[in-house]
Amino acid sequence: MIIPRTLLFTCLAAALATQAQAATLSGVAEEQGQAVAEAEIMLVNADTSQILKSIYSAADGSFRFTVAPGTYNLGAQKSGYTLVWKKGIAVGASDVTLRIEMLDKAFADGPPKAAGGDCE
């Protein structure tokens, strides 16, 4: 079967246009400057709240998504850390790089609270 040249060029142009519209949303998950490996990073469409993809940070804390222009939220979580959100991340034609500061759960709730009750 022979594919007409017009159809072939149309498909090629559409594929190139799709690639040109993609950008990279990347960054690093850290705690006080130290990489947090294997943190789950969730990519969420900010308009629909739909989780688009979930990946784990690399040994150096880095992560990378290829996305279309739009507005996104990123969630980061790992056992022993609080869930952290970066919201309203606008991605256009240019790549976006950011840093996610993870917080150890031991330090998230502030100082210990005094116990109440009848024990004295």
Protein backbone atom coordinates (compact mmCIF):
# COMPACT_ATOMS: atom_id res chain seq x y z
CA MET A 1 0.00 0.00 0.00
CA ILE A 2 1.32 3.42 -0.95
CA ILE A 3 0.73 6.30 1.46
CA PRO A 4 0.05 9.61 -0.28
CA ARG A 5 2.80 12.18 0.32
CA THR A 6 0.30 14.75 1.57
CA LEU A 7 -0.88 12.42 4.33
CA LEU A 8 2.69 11.51 5.26
CA PHE A 9 3.76 15.18 5.52
CA THR A 10 0.62 16.04 7.50
CA CYS A 11 1.33 13.29 10.04
CA LEU A 12 5.00 14.31 10.30
CA ALA A 13 4.09 17.97 10.81
CA ALA A 14 1.56 17.06 13.52
CA ALA A 15 4.15 14.92 15.33
CA LEU A 16 6.73 17.71 15.22
CA ALA A 17 4.18 20.28 16.44
CA THR A 18 3.30 18.04 19.39
CA GLN A 19 6.99 17.70 20.31
CA ALA A 20 7.52 21.45 20.06
CA GLN A 21 4.70 22.08 22.54
CA ALA A 22 6.12 19.74 25.19
CA ALA A 23 8.19 21.13 28.05
CA THR A 24 10.05 19.58 30.95
CA LEU A 25 8.92 20.04 34.54
CA SER A 26 11.80 18.87 36.69
CA GLY A 27 13.41 19.44 40.02
CA VAL A 28 14.87 17.95 43.13
CA ALA A 29 13.38 16.74 46.42
CA GLU A 30 15.54 17.80 49.37
CA GLU A 31 15.58 18.11 53.12
CA GLN A 32 17.89 20.87 54.34
CA GLY A 33 20.05 20.60 51.21
CA GLN A 34 20.29 16.80 51.30
CA ALA A 35 18.72 14.75 48.51
CA VAL A 36 15.61 12.74 49.34
CA ALA A 37 15.72 9.58 47.22
CA GLU A 38 12.62 7.53 46.39
CA ALA A 39 10.12 10.25 47.28
CA GLU A 40 6.89 9.76 45.35
CA ILE A 41 6.32 12.80 43.12
CA MET A 42 2.75 13.22 41.83
CA LEU A 43 1.94 15.36 38.80
CA VAL A 44 -1.61 16.75 39.04
CA ASN A 45 -3.59 18.83 36.55
CA ALA A 46 -4.38 22.01 38.52
CA ASP A 47 -7.66 22.61 36.65
CA THR A 48 -9.17 19.12 37.01
CA SER A 49 -7.29 17.75 40.08
CA GLN A 50 -6.59 14.61 38.05
CA ILE A 51 -3.36 12.78 38.89
CA LEU A 52 -1.56 12.54 35.54
CA LYS A 53 1.52 10.61 36.56
CA SER A 54 3.42 9.46 39.63
CA ILE A 55 7.17 8.76 39.71
CA TYR A 56 9.90 8.34 42.35
CA SER A 57 12.84 10.68 42.80
CA ALA A 58 16.26 9.32 41.86
CA ALA A 59 19.14 8.74 44.29
CA ASP A 60 20.14 12.40 43.89
CA GLY A 61 16.55 13.52 44.60
CA SER A 62 15.90 14.52 40.99
CA PHE A 63 12.68 13.98 39.06
CA ARG A 64 11.47 14.88 35.56
CA PHE A 65 8.13 15.01 33.75
CA THR A 66 7.47 15.86 30.10
CA VAL A 67 4.30 17.96 30.02
CA ALA A 68 2.17 20.04 27.68
CA PRO A 69 1.81 23.74 28.47
CA GLY A 70 -0.62 24.23 31.36
CA THR A 71 -0.88 24.66 35.10
CA TYR A 72 0.13 21.83 37.40
CA ASN A 73 0.39 20.90 41.07
CA LEU A 74 3.17 18.65 42.36
CA GLY A 75 2.82 16.52 45.47
CA ALA A 76 5.78 14.87 47.18
CA GLN A 77 5.61 12.22 49.88
CA LYS A 78 7.75 9.58 51.51
CA SER A 79 7.44 7.52 54.64
CA GLY A 80 8.70 9.57 57.57
CA TYR A 81 8.02 12.89 55.82
CA THR A 82 4.96 15.12 55.58
CA LEU A 83 3.08 15.43 52.30
CA VAL A 84 4.26 18.60 50.53
CA TRP A 85 2.45 20.41 47.69
CA LYS A 86 3.73 22.95 45.15
CA LYS A 87 0.61 24.43 43.57
CA GLY A 88 -0.09 26.55 40.52
CA ILE A 89 3.07 25.76 38.57
CA ALA A 90 2.66 27.44 35.18
CA VAL A 91 4.42 25.66 32.33
CA GLY A 92 4.66 27.34 28.94
CA ALA A 93 6.98 26.59 26.05
CA SER A 94 10.05 26.78 28.33
CA ASP A 95 11.24 24.15 30.78
CA VAL A 96 10.53 24.66 34.50
CA THR A 97 12.87 23.55 37.30
CA LEU A 98 12.01 23.71 40.98
CA ARG A 99 13.04 22.52 44.41
CA ILE A 100 10.74 20.68 46.80
CA GLU A 101 11.69 21.02 50.47
CA MET A 102 10.65 17.86 52.31
CA LEU A 103 9.89 18.04 56.04
CA ASP A 104 10.60 15.21 58.47
CA LYS A 105 7.41 14.28 60.34
CA ALA A 106 9.27 14.45 63.65
CA PHE A 107 9.60 18.21 63.18
CA ALA A 108 6.29 18.93 61.42
CA ASP A 109 3.95 19.22 64.39
CA GLY A 110 6.03 21.53 66.57
CA PRO A 111 6.99 20.80 70.17
CA PRO A 112 5.36 17.88 72.02
CA LYS A 113 2.09 18.75 73.69
CA ALA A 114 1.48 18.16 77.37
CA ALA A 115 -0.58 15.09 78.13
CA GLY A 116 -4.02 15.74 79.58
CA GLY A 117 -6.11 13.56 81.79
CA ASP A 118 -6.12 12.37 85.36
CA CYS A 119 -2.48 11.35 85.59
CA GLU A 120 -0.55 13.47 88.08
